[in-house]
């Protein structure tokens, strides 16, 4: 009995640790610092707004200017009184959200460490890539930008990471821009995912014009596979933006999903609207029912790439990302 139990534990341990054949990157050194811009901004003394604002932007010269002009849409030609009023009203309106964010992100080290881990894997696979060396957090408009990447920094809009049940996302200003199926991903756990997604797109920008649906599915799948390699500890459902139940259902009905494309002769279609229906963000896939997730074509593309890589384990990640989609489809012989 003890022997059987020991063997079972060994098998479980081996399967968990060999699941993705994850390389050891612990010796790769990553230098990155976190700058909490929102903390400086919301400490501005609104009895002397412009002087305080000047001190803040001088302290963060690059991002401070970007925040004011691109995120708050302030025009430097506007009168000082108008700018001061807008800043004061913004601080007043968003102070409750800032207070909430301070509770959630009082200690940002967990998320910094997740990003740092992703950068270690990135450096392992793409040693020549010059990754950002800063993390800048800010609190912007609920209907504005979220997480972006610059040459030097991961810029994190913490207003989009307060938890999917945060009441702020039910307001009209937020929900008209980010409907519930998108704000469901407004969790702190998506910070590192969004950062690495931006890295993937920086390295391999999407250019899908005039390409067939199956080609675009595989291109999406390649990027999801790369994301999986950069963040091996993240659950797969979060990498694609599904709920855990949606991911489980997709895996359980993978053959039926594939048949949707085969039986309806969709794979070679180049119709833009039809393609967006299968590889774009949406609340569901109409043909699969209300409980199904959107972006189902990307899910299938991901499984095709996984199947291809299971047969071609010696191919490096950078080679995969430039591999022709038709070649991947042909060699994968995907048939769930």
C-alpha atoms as a PDB file:
ATOM      1  CA  UNK A   1       0.000   0.000   0.000  1.00  0.00           C
ATOM      2  CA  UNK A   2       2.794   2.408   0.932  1.00  0.00           C
ATOM      3  CA  UNK A   3       4.722   1.511  -2.220  1.00  0.00           C
ATOM      4  CA  UNK A   4       1.692   2.163  -4.451  1.00  0.00           C
ATOM      5  CA  UNK A   5       1.090   5.488  -2.741  1.00  0.00           C
ATOM      6  CA  UNK A   6       4.740   6.496  -3.162  1.00  0.00           C
ATOM      7  CA  UNK A   7       4.685   5.582  -6.836  1.00  0.00           C
ATOM      8  CA  UNK A   8       1.509   7.610  -7.331  1.00  0.00           C
ATOM      9  CA  UNK A   9       3.046  10.658  -5.642  1.00  0.00           C
ATOM     10  CA  UNK A  10       6.166  10.327  -7.768  1.00  0.00           C
ATOM     11  CA  UNK A  11       4.119  10.122 -10.942  1.00  0.00           C
ATOM     12  CA  UNK A  12       2.074  13.156  -9.945  1.00  0.00           C
ATOM     13  CA  UNK A  13       5.223  15.110  -9.111  1.00  0.00           C
ATOM     14  CA  UNK A  14       6.855  14.174 -12.397  1.00  0.00           C
ATOM     15  CA  UNK A  15       3.810  15.007 -14.506  1.00  0.00           C
ATOM     16  CA  UNK A  16       3.389  18.417 -12.844  1.00  0.00           C
ATOM     17  CA  UNK A  17       7.028  19.346 -13.258  1.00  0.00           C
ATOM     18  CA  UNK A  18       7.449  18.027 -16.800  1.00  0.00           C
ATOM     19  CA  UNK A  19       4.201  19.442 -18.130  1.00  0.00           C
ATOM     20  CA  UNK A  20       5.808  22.174 -20.206  1.00  0.00           C
ATOM     21  CA  UNK A  21       9.461  21.171 -19.983  1.00  0.00           C
ATOM     22  CA  UNK A  22      10.078  24.556 -18.393  1.00  0.00           C
ATOM     23  CA  UNK A  23      13.718  25.722 -18.566  1.00  0.00           C
ATOM     24  CA  UNK A  24      15.520  26.862 -15.430  1.00  0.00           C
ATOM     25  CA  UNK A  25      15.932  30.638 -15.729  1.00  0.00           C
ATOM     26  CA  UNK A  26      16.715  31.372 -12.085  1.00  0.00           C
ATOM     27  CA  UNK A  27      20.282  32.455 -12.905  1.00  0.00           C
ATOM     28  CA  UNK A  28      19.175  35.082 -15.427  1.00  0.00           C
ATOM     29  CA  UNK A  29      19.521  38.518 -13.833  1.00  0.00           C
ATOM     30  CA  UNK A  30      16.798  41.080 -14.454  1.00  0.00           C
ATOM     31  CA  UNK A  31      16.971  44.658 -13.214  1.00  0.00           C
ATOM     32  CA  UNK A  32      13.636  46.423 -13.033  1.00  0.00           C
ATOM     33  CA  UNK A  33      12.179  49.062 -10.724  1.00  0.00           C
ATOM     34  CA  UNK A  34       8.584  49.971  -9.965  1.00  0.00           C
ATOM     35  CA  UNK A  35       7.513  53.625  -9.957  1.00  0.00           C
ATOM     36  CA  UNK A  36       4.133  54.431  -8.376  1.00  0.00           C
ATOM     37  CA  UNK A  37       3.125  57.530 -10.321  1.00  0.00           C
ATOM     38  CA  UNK A  38      -0.459  57.504  -8.996  1.00  0.00           C
ATOM     39  CA  UNK A  39       0.788  57.911  -5.418  1.00  0.00           C
ATOM     40  CA  UNK A  40       2.615  61.129  -6.279  1.00  0.00           C
ATOM     41  CA  UNK A  41      -0.258  62.420  -8.413  1.00  0.00           C
ATOM     42  CA  UNK A  42      -2.989  61.924  -5.807  1.00  0.00           C
ATOM     43  CA  UNK A  43      -0.864  63.599  -3.133  1.00  0.00           C
ATOM     44  CA  UNK A  44      -0.979  66.873  -5.084  1.00  0.00           C
ATOM     45  CA  UNK A  45      -2.115  69.756  -2.894  1.00  0.00           C
ATOM     46  CA  UNK A  46      -5.125  71.061  -4.824  1.00  0.00           C
ATOM     47  CA  UNK A  47      -4.879  74.459  -3.122  1.00  0.00           C
ATOM     48  CA  UNK A  48      -1.811  75.045  -5.292  1.00  0.00           C
ATOM     49  CA  UNK A  49      -2.448  72.631  -8.136  1.00  0.00           C
ATOM     50  CA  UNK A  50      -0.235  73.940 -10.917  1.00  0.00           C
ATOM     51  CA  UNK A  51       2.884  74.293  -8.782  1.00  0.00           C
ATOM     52  CA  UNK A  52       2.345  70.827  -7.299  1.00  0.00           C
ATOM     53  CA  UNK A  53       1.641  69.405 -10.756  1.00  0.00           C
ATOM     54  CA  UNK A  54       4.875  70.914 -12.025  1.00  0.00           C
ATOM     55  CA  UNK A  55       6.828  69.242  -9.228  1.00  0.00           C
ATOM     56  CA  UNK A  56       5.222  65.903 -10.061  1.00  0.00           C
ATOM     57  CA  UNK A  57       5.877  66.085 -13.786  1.00  0.00           C
ATOM     58  CA  UNK A  58       9.465  67.174 -13.114  1.00  0.00           C
ATOM     59  CA  UNK A  59       9.899  64.120 -10.916  1.00  0.00           C
ATOM     60  CA  UNK A  60       8.539  61.890 -13.707  1.00  0.00           C
ATOM     61  CA  UNK A  61       9.437  63.963 -16.789  1.00  0.00           C
ATOM     62  CA  UNK A  62       8.661  61.466 -19.539  1.00  0.00           C
ATOM     63  CA  UNK A  63       5.592  59.778 -18.133  1.00  0.00           C
ATOM     64  CA  UNK A  64       4.195  62.860 -16.415  1.00  0.00           C
ATOM     65  CA  UNK A  65       3.868  64.689 -19.718  1.00  0.00           C
ATOM     66  CA  UNK A  66       2.449  61.582 -21.406  1.00  0.00           C
ATOM     67  CA  UNK A  67      -0.113  61.151 -18.635  1.00  0.00           C
ATOM     68  CA  UNK A  68      -1.376  64.702 -18.897  1.00  0.00           C
ATOM     69  CA  UNK A  69      -1.496  64.953 -22.678  1.00  0.00           C
ATOM     70  CA  UNK A  70      -2.354  61.401 -23.794  1.00  0.00           C
ATOM     71  CA  UNK A  71      -4.307  59.969 -20.871  1.00  0.00           C
ATOM     72  CA  UNK A  72      -6.058  63.034 -19.491  1.00  0.00           C
ATOM     73  CA  UNK A  73      -6.118  64.750 -22.921  1.00  0.00           C
ATOM     74  CA  UNK A  74      -4.958  68.115 -21.599  1.00  0.00           C
ATOM     75  CA  UNK A  75      -3.780  70.664 -24.134  1.00  0.00           C
ATOM     76  CA  UNK A  76      -0.698  72.694 -23.071  1.00  0.00           C
ATOM     77  CA  UNK A  77      -2.250  75.710 -24.829  1.00  0.00           C
ATOM     78  CA  UNK A  78      -5.199  75.769 -22.421  1.00  0.00           C
ATOM     79  CA  UNK A  79      -5.321  78.503 -19.731  1.00  0.00           C
ATOM     80  CA  UNK A  80      -3.795  77.613 -16.386  1.00  0.00           C
ATOM     81  CA  UNK A  81      -7.115  78.068 -14.613  1.00  0.00           C
ATOM     82  CA  UNK A  82      -8.807  75.518 -16.875  1.00  0.00           C
ATOM     83  CA  UNK A  83      -6.029  72.951 -16.427  1.00  0.00           C
ATOM     84  CA  UNK A  84      -6.097  73.480 -12.676  1.00  0.00           C
ATOM     85  CA  UNK A  85      -9.871  72.958 -12.530  1.00  0.00           C
ATOM     86  CA  UNK A  86      -9.690  69.781 -14.606  1.00  0.00           C
ATOM     87  CA  UNK A  87      -6.929  68.312 -12.435  1.00  0.00           C
ATOM     88  CA  UNK A  88      -8.792  69.209  -9.236  1.00  0.00           C
ATOM     89  CA  UNK A  89     -12.019  67.652 -10.493  1.00  0.00           C
ATOM     90  CA  UNK A  90     -10.197  64.531 -11.636  1.00  0.00           C
ATOM     91  CA  UNK A  91      -8.479  64.046  -8.280  1.00  0.00           C
ATOM     92  CA  UNK A  92     -11.798  64.591  -6.471  1.00  0.00           C
ATOM     93  CA  UNK A  93     -13.733  62.189  -8.708  1.00  0.00           C
ATOM     94  CA  UNK A  94     -11.112  59.429  -8.693  1.00  0.00           C
ATOM     95  CA  UNK A  95     -10.005  59.692  -5.058  1.00  0.00           C
ATOM     96  CA  UNK A  96     -12.318  56.812  -3.960  1.00  0.00           C
ATOM     97  CA  UNK A  97     -10.870  54.617  -6.732  1.00  0.00           C
ATOM     98  CA  UNK A  98      -7.364  55.609  -5.708  1.00  0.00           C
ATOM     99  CA  UNK A  99      -8.127  54.694  -2.097  1.00  0.00           C
ATOM    100  CA  UNK A 100      -9.373  51.288  -3.230  1.00  0.00           C
ATOM    101  CA  UNK A 101      -6.280  50.747  -5.354  1.00  0.00           C
ATOM    102  CA  UNK A 102      -4.058  51.567  -2.392  1.00  0.00           C
ATOM    103  CA  UNK A 103      -5.624  48.721  -0.446  1.00  0.00           C
ATOM    104  CA  UNK A 104      -5.267  46.254  -3.319  1.00  0.00           C
ATOM    105  CA  UNK A 105      -1.780  47.353  -4.367  1.00  0.00           C
ATOM    106  CA  UNK A 106      -0.326  48.441  -1.059  1.00  0.00           C
ATOM    107  CA  UNK A 107       2.453  45.958  -1.815  1.00  0.00           C
ATOM    108  CA  UNK A 108       3.194  45.704  -5.529  1.00  0.00           C
ATOM    109  CA  UNK A 109       6.132  43.292  -5.146  1.00  0.00           C
ATOM    110  CA  UNK A 110       4.106  40.217  -6.102  1.00  0.00           C
ATOM    111  CA  UNK A 111       3.290  41.682  -9.499  1.00  0.00           C
ATOM    112  CA  UNK A 112       6.796  43.024 -10.002  1.00  0.00           C
ATOM    113  CA  UNK A 113       8.133  39.523  -9.345  1.00  0.00           C
ATOM    114  CA  UNK A 114       5.702  37.986 -11.842  1.00  0.00           C
ATOM    115  CA  UNK A 115       6.828  40.461 -14.493  1.00  0.00           C
ATOM    116  CA  UNK A 116      10.464  39.840 -13.611  1.00  0.00           C
ATOM    117  CA  UNK A 117       9.918  36.086 -14.001  1.00  0.00           C
ATOM    118  CA  UNK A 118       8.360  36.667 -17.429  1.00  0.00           C
ATOM    119  CA  UNK A 119      11.387  38.748 -18.399  1.00  0.00           C
ATOM    120  CA  UNK A 120      13.731  35.951 -17.317  1.00  0.00           C
ATOM    121  CA  UNK A 121      12.003  33.561 -19.691  1.00  0.00           C
ATOM    122  CA  UNK A 122      11.969  36.277 -22.346  1.00  0.00           C
ATOM    123  CA  UNK A 123      15.725  36.752 -22.001  1.00  0.00           C
ATOM    124  CA  UNK A 124      16.189  32.977 -22.228  1.00  0.00           C
ATOM    125  CA  UNK A 125      14.241  32.710 -25.487  1.00  0.00           C
ATOM    126  CA  UNK A 126      15.078  36.128 -26.989  1.00  0.00           C
ATOM    127  CA  UNK A 127      18.416  37.232 -25.497  1.00  0.00           C
ATOM    128  CA  UNK A 128      18.855  40.185 -27.882  1.00  0.00           C
ATOM    129  CA  UNK A 129      15.530  41.831 -27.074  1.00  0.00           C
ATOM    130  CA  UNK A 130      15.894  45.048 -25.058  1.00  0.00           C
ATOM    131  CA  UNK A 131      13.106  44.718 -22.542  1.00  0.00           C
ATOM    132  CA  UNK A 132      11.803  47.606 -20.395  1.00  0.00           C
ATOM    133  CA  UNK A 133      13.636  48.272 -17.133  1.00  0.00           C
ATOM    134  CA  UNK A 134      10.810  50.095 -15.369  1.00  0.00           C
ATOM    135  CA  UNK A 135       7.260  49.418 -14.255  1.00  0.00           C
ATOM    136  CA  UNK A 136       5.176  52.586 -13.993  1.00  0.00           C
ATOM    137  CA  UNK A 137       1.773  52.355 -12.335  1.00  0.00           C
ATOM    138  CA  UNK A 138      -0.827  55.068 -12.821  1.00  0.00           C
ATOM    139  CA  UNK A 139      -4.553  55.576 -12.273  1.00  0.00           C
ATOM    140  CA  UNK A 140      -6.234  56.809 -15.418  1.00  0.00           C
ATOM    141  CA  UNK A 141      -9.819  57.263 -16.604  1.00  0.00           C
ATOM    142  CA  UNK A 142     -12.015  54.160 -16.362  1.00  0.00           C
ATOM    143  CA  UNK A 143     -12.865  54.447 -20.053  1.00  0.00           C
ATOM    144  CA  UNK A 144      -9.278  55.124 -21.117  1.00  0.00           C
ATOM    145  CA  UNK A 145      -6.164  53.122 -21.831  1.00  0.00           C
ATOM    146  CA  UNK A 146      -5.054  50.227 -19.680  1.00  0.00           C
ATOM    147  CA  UNK A 147      -1.635  48.593 -19.886  1.00  0.00           C
ATOM    148  CA  UNK A 148       0.869  49.719 -22.516  1.00  0.00           C
ATOM    149  CA  UNK A 149       4.537  49.249 -23.285  1.00  0.00           C
ATOM    150  CA  UNK A 150       7.143  51.878 -24.109  1.00  0.00           C
ATOM    151  CA  UNK A 151      10.811  51.553 -24.985  1.00  0.00           C
ATOM    152  CA  UNK A 152      11.744  51.694 -21.313  1.00  0.00           C
ATOM    153  CA  UNK A 153       8.672  50.819 -19.280  1.00  0.00           C
ATOM    154  CA  UNK A 154       5.678  48.632 -18.687  1.00  0.00           C
ATOM    155  CA  UNK A 155       2.922  51.150 -17.975  1.00  0.00           C
ATOM    156  CA  UNK A 156       0.174  49.661 -15.790  1.00  0.00           C
ATOM    157  CA  UNK A 157      -3.249  51.279 -15.547  1.00  0.00           C
ATOM    158  CA  UNK A 158      -4.292  49.996 -12.132  1.00  0.00           C
ATOM    159  CA  UNK A 159      -7.838  51.293 -12.681  1.00  0.00           C
ATOM    160  CA  UNK A 160      -8.251  48.174 -14.832  1.00  0.00           C
ATOM    161  CA  UNK A 161      -7.049  45.734 -12.177  1.00  0.00           C
ATOM    162  CA  UNK A 162      -9.328  46.356  -9.192  1.00  0.00           C
ATOM    163  CA  UNK A 163     -11.143  43.009  -9.441  1.00  0.00           C
ATOM    164  CA  UNK A 164     -13.943  42.042 -11.812  1.00  0.00           C
ATOM    165  CA  UNK A 165     -16.627  42.682  -9.172  1.00  0.00           C
ATOM    166  CA  UNK A 166     -15.534  46.254  -8.476  1.00  0.00           C
ATOM    167  CA  UNK A 167     -18.606  48.487  -8.658  1.00  0.00           C
ATOM    168  CA  UNK A 168     -16.714  51.079 -10.715  1.00  0.00           C
ATOM    169  CA  UNK A 169     -16.940  48.815 -13.765  1.00  0.00           C
ATOM    170  CA  UNK A 170     -20.746  48.893 -13.646  1.00  0.00           C
ATOM    171  CA  UNK A 171     -20.862  52.645 -14.210  1.00  0.00           C
ATOM    172  CA  UNK A 172     -21.888  53.855 -17.649  1.00  0.00           C
ATOM    173  CA  UNK A 173     -18.540  55.544 -18.297  1.00  0.00           C
ATOM    174  CA  UNK A 174     -16.735  52.209 -17.852  1.00  0.00           C
ATOM    175  CA  UNK A 175     -19.254  49.667 -19.180  1.00  0.00           C
ATOM    176  CA  UNK A 176     -19.871  51.506 -22.454  1.00  0.00           C
ATOM    177  CA  UNK A 177     -16.175  51.127 -23.287  1.00  0.00           C
ATOM    178  CA  UNK A 178     -15.457  47.848 -21.500  1.00  0.00           C
ATOM    179  CA  UNK A 179     -18.505  45.519 -21.391  1.00  0.00           C
ATOM    180  CA  UNK A 180     -18.662  42.790 -18.720  1.00  0.00           C
ATOM    181  CA  UNK A 181     -16.966  40.086 -20.798  1.00  0.00           C
ATOM    182  CA  UNK A 182     -13.906  42.368 -20.983  1.00  0.00           C
ATOM    183  CA  UNK A 183     -14.005  43.808 -17.444  1.00  0.00           C
ATOM    184  CA  UNK A 184     -14.188  40.205 -16.195  1.00  0.00           C
ATOM    185  CA  UNK A 185     -10.439  40.247 -16.874  1.00  0.00           C
ATOM    186  CA  UNK A 186      -9.842  43.392 -14.796  1.00  0.00           C
ATOM    187  CA  UNK A 187      -8.092  41.377 -12.112  1.00  0.00           C
ATOM    188  CA  UNK A 188      -4.674  41.985 -10.529  1.00  0.00           C
ATOM    189  CA  UNK A 189      -3.552  38.579 -11.857  1.00  0.00           C
ATOM    190  CA  UNK A 190      -3.728  39.916 -15.416  1.00  0.00           C
ATOM    191  CA  UNK A 191      -1.000  42.517 -14.861  1.00  0.00           C
ATOM    192  CA  UNK A 192       1.900  40.247 -15.825  1.00  0.00           C
ATOM    193  CA  UNK A 193      -0.166  38.656 -18.599  1.00  0.00           C
ATOM    194  CA  UNK A 194      -0.885  42.024 -20.213  1.00  0.00           C
ATOM    195  CA  UNK A 195       2.763  43.029 -19.887  1.00  0.00           C
ATOM    196  CA  UNK A 196       3.965  39.895 -21.637  1.00  0.00           C
ATOM    197  CA  UNK A 197       1.227  40.190 -24.274  1.00  0.00           C
ATOM    198  CA  UNK A 198       2.565  43.626 -25.091  1.00  0.00           C
ATOM    199  CA  UNK A 199       6.087  42.197 -25.350  1.00  0.00           C
ATOM    200  CA  UNK A 200       4.866  39.483 -27.724  1.00  0.00           C
ATOM    201  CA  UNK A 201       3.157  42.053 -29.932  1.00  0.00           C
ATOM    202  CA  UNK A 202       6.214  44.292 -29.805  1.00  0.00           C
ATOM    203  CA  UNK A 203       8.401  41.447 -31.028  1.00  0.00           C
ATOM    204  CA  UNK A 204       5.860  40.059 -33.482  1.00  0.00           C
ATOM    205  CA  UNK A 205       3.309  42.700 -34.537  1.00  0.00           C
ATOM    206  CA  UNK A 206       0.096  41.382 -36.007  1.00  0.00           C
ATOM    207  CA  UNK A 207      -0.440  41.932 -39.719  1.00  0.00           C
ATOM    208  CA  UNK A 208      -3.357  39.789 -40.832  1.00  0.00           C
ATOM    209  CA  UNK A 209      -4.749  41.647 -43.850  1.00  0.00           C
ATOM    210  CA  UNK A 210      -5.986  39.457 -46.713  1.00  0.00           C
ATOM    211  CA  UNK A 211      -4.997  36.252 -44.928  1.00  0.00           C
ATOM    212  CA  UNK A 212      -7.301  33.281 -44.546  1.00  0.00           C
ATOM    213  CA  UNK A 213      -9.077  32.511 -41.301  1.00  0.00           C
ATOM    214  CA  UNK A 214      -6.951  29.432 -40.581  1.00  0.00           C
ATOM    215  CA  UNK A 215      -3.746  31.412 -41.142  1.00  0.00           C
ATOM    216  CA  UNK A 216      -4.906  34.074 -38.715  1.00  0.00           C
ATOM    217  CA  UNK A 217      -6.010  31.428 -36.223  1.00  0.00           C
ATOM    218  CA  UNK A 218      -2.540  29.902 -36.246  1.00  0.00           C
ATOM    219  CA  UNK A 219      -0.856  33.298 -35.990  1.00  0.00           C
ATOM    220  CA  UNK A 220      -2.960  33.998 -32.913  1.00  0.00           C
ATOM    221  CA  UNK A 221      -2.121  30.523 -31.645  1.00  0.00           C
ATOM    222  CA  UNK A 222       1.609  31.172 -32.024  1.00  0.00           C
ATOM    223  CA  UNK A 223       1.330  34.258 -29.860  1.00  0.00           C
ATOM    224  CA  UNK A 224      -0.660  32.398 -27.212  1.00  0.00           C
ATOM    225  CA  UNK A 225       1.937  29.643 -27.240  1.00  0.00           C
ATOM    226  CA  UNK A 226       4.711  32.197 -26.764  1.00  0.00           C
ATOM    227  CA  UNK A 227       2.761  33.769 -23.895  1.00  0.00           C
ATOM    228  CA  UNK A 228       2.464  30.318 -22.365  1.00  0.00           C
ATOM    229  CA  UNK A 229       6.233  29.890 -22.550  1.00  0.00           C
ATOM    230  CA  UNK A 230       6.872  33.274 -20.927  1.00  0.00           C
ATOM    231  CA  UNK A 231       4.379  32.700 -18.111  1.00  0.00           C
ATOM    232  CA  UNK A 232       4.393  28.927 -17.513  1.00  0.00           C
ATOM    233  CA  UNK A 233       2.878  29.257 -14.035  1.00  0.00           C
ATOM    234  CA  UNK A 234      -0.224  31.112 -15.221  1.00  0.00           C
ATOM    235  CA  UNK A 235      -3.383  29.035 -15.855  1.00  0.00           C
ATOM    236  CA  UNK A 236      -4.160  28.613 -19.520  1.00  0.00           C
ATOM    237  CA  UNK A 237      -7.653  30.049 -19.214  1.00  0.00           C
ATOM    238  CA  UNK A 238      -6.235  33.392 -18.099  1.00  0.00           C
ATOM    239  CA  UNK A 239      -3.732  33.493 -20.957  1.00  0.00           C
ATOM    240  CA  UNK A 240      -6.570  33.502 -23.472  1.00  0.00           C
ATOM    241  CA  UNK A 241      -8.953  35.488 -21.275  1.00  0.00           C
ATOM    242  CA  UNK A 242     -11.555  32.812 -20.585  1.00  0.00           C
ATOM    243  CA  UNK A 243     -13.120  31.715 -17.325  1.00  0.00           C
ATOM    244  CA  UNK A 244     -11.888  28.408 -15.966  1.00  0.00           C
ATOM    245  CA  UNK A 245     -15.247  26.818 -16.842  1.00  0.00           C
ATOM    246  CA  UNK A 246     -15.085  28.103 -20.411  1.00  0.00           C
ATOM    247  CA  UNK A 247     -11.604  26.656 -20.820  1.00  0.00           C
ATOM    248  CA  UNK A 248     -12.664  23.305 -19.406  1.00  0.00           C
ATOM    249  CA  UNK A 249     -15.656  23.199 -21.753  1.00  0.00           C
ATOM    250  CA  UNK A 250     -13.494  24.084 -24.758  1.00  0.00           C
ATOM    251  CA  UNK A 251     -11.026  21.323 -23.908  1.00  0.00           C
ATOM    252  CA  UNK A 252     -13.879  18.842 -23.399  1.00  0.00           C
ATOM    253  CA  UNK A 253     -15.498  19.754 -26.742  1.00  0.00           C
ATOM    254  CA  UNK A 254     -12.380  20.459 -28.780  1.00  0.00           C
ATOM    255  CA  UNK A 255     -13.432  18.098 -31.582  1.00  0.00           C
ATOM    256  CA  UNK A 256     -16.852  19.745 -31.918  1.00  0.00           C
ATOM    257  CA  UNK A 257     -15.272  23.190 -32.068  1.00  0.00           C
ATOM    258  CA  UNK A 258     -12.915  22.065 -34.825  1.00  0.00           C
ATOM    259  CA  UNK A 259     -15.854  20.529 -36.714  1.00  0.00           C
ATOM    260  CA  UNK A 260     -17.587  23.912 -36.663  1.00  0.00           C
ATOM    261  CA  UNK A 261     -14.838  25.225 -38.933  1.00  0.00           C
ATOM    262  CA  UNK A 262     -14.541  22.093 -41.065  1.00  0.00           C
ATOM    263  CA  UNK A 263     -18.235  21.438 -41.721  1.00  0.00           C
ATOM    264  CA  UNK A 264     -18.935  25.071 -42.590  1.00  0.00           C
ATOM    265  CA  UNK A 265     -15.873  25.420 -44.851  1.00  0.00           C
ATOM    266  CA  UNK A 266     -14.634  28.409 -42.878  1.00  0.00           C
ATOM    267  CA  UNK A 267     -10.893  27.841 -42.768  1.00  0.00           C
ATOM    268  CA  UNK A 268      -9.984  29.419 -46.103  1.00  0.00           C
ATOM    269  CA  UNK A 269     -12.387  32.332 -45.847  1.00  0.00           C
ATOM    270  CA  UNK A 270     -10.932  35.822 -46.115  1.00  0.00           C
ATOM    271  CA  UNK A 271     -14.146  37.645 -45.212  1.00  0.00           C
ATOM    272  CA  UNK A 272     -13.123  40.299 -42.685  1.00  0.00           C
ATOM    273  CA  UNK A 273     -16.334  40.392 -40.655  1.00  0.00           C
ATOM    274  CA  UNK A 274     -16.567  36.629 -40.453  1.00  0.00           C
ATOM    275  CA  UNK A 275     -12.925  36.357 -39.360  1.00  0.00           C
ATOM    276  CA  UNK A 276     -13.404  39.001 -36.645  1.00  0.00           C
ATOM    277  CA  UNK A 277     -16.290  36.895 -35.363  1.00  0.00           C
ATOM    278  CA  UNK A 278     -13.913  34.022 -34.593  1.00  0.00           C
ATOM    279  CA  UNK A 279     -10.634  35.660 -33.575  1.00  0.00           C
ATOM    280  CA  UNK A 280     -11.798  38.902 -32.012  1.00  0.00           C
ATOM    281  CA  UNK A 281     -12.993  39.756 -28.514  1.00  0.00           C
ATOM    282  CA  UNK A 282     -16.682  38.952 -28.145  1.00  0.00           C
ATOM    283  CA  UNK A 283     -19.001  37.696 -25.407  1.00  0.00           C
ATOM    284  CA  UNK A 284     -19.698  34.347 -27.097  1.00  0.00           C
ATOM    285  CA  UNK A 285     -19.469  32.263 -30.258  1.00  0.00           C
ATOM    286  CA  UNK A 286     -22.989  32.386 -31.688  1.00  0.00           C
ATOM    287  CA  UNK A 287     -22.942  28.885 -33.181  1.00  0.00           C
ATOM    288  CA  UNK A 288     -21.776  27.295 -29.916  1.00  0.00           C
ATOM    289  CA  UNK A 289     -24.343  28.831 -27.581  1.00  0.00           C
ATOM    290  CA  UNK A 290     -24.551  31.527 -24.943  1.00  0.00           C
ATOM    291  CA  UNK A 291     -22.191  29.784 -22.524  1.00  0.00           C
ATOM    292  CA  UNK A 292     -19.383  29.593 -25.063  1.00  0.00           C
ATOM    293  CA  UNK A 293     -16.539  32.132 -25.096  1.00  0.00           C
ATOM    294  CA  UNK A 294     -15.635  34.363 -28.005  1.00  0.00           C
ATOM    295  CA  UNK A 295     -12.273  34.291 -29.760  1.00  0.00           C
ATOM    296  CA  UNK A 296     -12.760  30.568 -30.358  1.00  0.00           C
ATOM    297  CA  UNK A 297     -10.578  30.624 -33.481  1.00  0.00           C
ATOM    298  CA  UNK A 298      -7.594  31.691 -31.411  1.00  0.00           C
ATOM    299  CA  UNK A 299      -8.258  28.793 -29.058  1.00  0.00           C
ATOM    300  CA  UNK A 300      -8.150  26.347 -31.978  1.00  0.00           C
ATOM    301  CA  UNK A 301      -5.043  27.991 -33.412  1.00  0.00           C
ATOM    302  CA  UNK A 302      -3.365  27.565 -30.035  1.00  0.00           C
ATOM    303  CA  UNK A 303      -4.161  23.844 -29.984  1.00  0.00           C
ATOM    304  CA  UNK A 304      -2.818  23.451 -33.532  1.00  0.00           C
ATOM    305  CA  UNK A 305       0.455  25.115 -32.544  1.00  0.00           C
ATOM    306  CA  UNK A 306       0.692  22.984 -29.421  1.00  0.00           C
ATOM    307  CA  UNK A 307       0.193  19.852 -31.506  1.00  0.00           C
ATOM    308  CA  UNK A 308       2.851  21.007 -33.963  1.00  0.00           C
ATOM    309  CA  UNK A 309       5.348  21.715 -31.198  1.00  0.00           C
ATOM    310  CA  UNK A 310       4.682  18.353 -29.559  1.00  0.00           C
ATOM    311  CA  UNK A 311       5.968  16.806 -32.793  1.00  0.00           C
ATOM    312  CA  UNK A 312       8.796  19.308 -33.281  1.00  0.00           C
ATOM    313  CA  UNK A 313      10.183  19.852 -29.800  1.00  0.00           C
ATOM    314  CA  UNK A 314      13.625  20.832 -31.107  1.00  0.00           C
ATOM    315  CA  UNK A 315      12.273  23.912 -32.859  1.00  0.00           C
ATOM    316  CA  UNK A 316      13.160  27.040 -30.902  1.00  0.00           C
ATOM    317  CA  UNK A 317      10.542  29.572 -29.947  1.00  0.00           C
ATOM    318  CA  UNK A 318      11.957  32.270 -32.225  1.00  0.00           C
ATOM    319  CA  UNK A 319      11.827  29.797 -35.131  1.00  0.00           C
ATOM    320  CA  UNK A 320       8.214  28.929 -34.379  1.00  0.00           C
ATOM    321  CA  UNK A 321       7.184  32.574 -34.390  1.00  0.00           C
ATOM    322  CA  UNK A 322       8.438  33.037 -37.960  1.00  0.00           C
ATOM    323  CA  UNK A 323       7.261  29.642 -39.212  1.00  0.00           C
ATOM    324  CA  UNK A 324       4.735  29.647 -42.056  1.00  0.00           C
ATOM    325  CA  UNK A 325       1.208  28.944 -40.833  1.00  0.00           C
ATOM    326  CA  UNK A 326       0.458  26.514 -43.669  1.00  0.00           C
ATOM    327  CA  UNK A 327       3.526  24.486 -42.750  1.00  0.00           C
ATOM    328  CA  UNK A 328       2.437  24.361 -39.124  1.00  0.00           C
ATOM    329  CA  UNK A 329      -1.065  23.213 -40.104  1.00  0.00           C
ATOM    330  CA  UNK A 330       0.282  20.560 -42.471  1.00  0.00           C
ATOM    331  CA  UNK A 331       2.769  19.074 -40.033  1.00  0.00           C
ATOM    332  CA  UNK A 332       0.521  19.264 -36.992  1.00  0.00           C
ATOM    333  CA  UNK A 333      -2.082  16.981 -38.583  1.00  0.00           C
ATOM    334  CA  UNK A 334      -4.500  18.372 -36.069  1.00  0.00           C
ATOM    335  CA  UNK A 335      -7.551  16.187 -35.612  1.00  0.00           C
ATOM    336  CA  UNK A 336      -8.963  16.323 -32.076  1.00  0.00           C
END
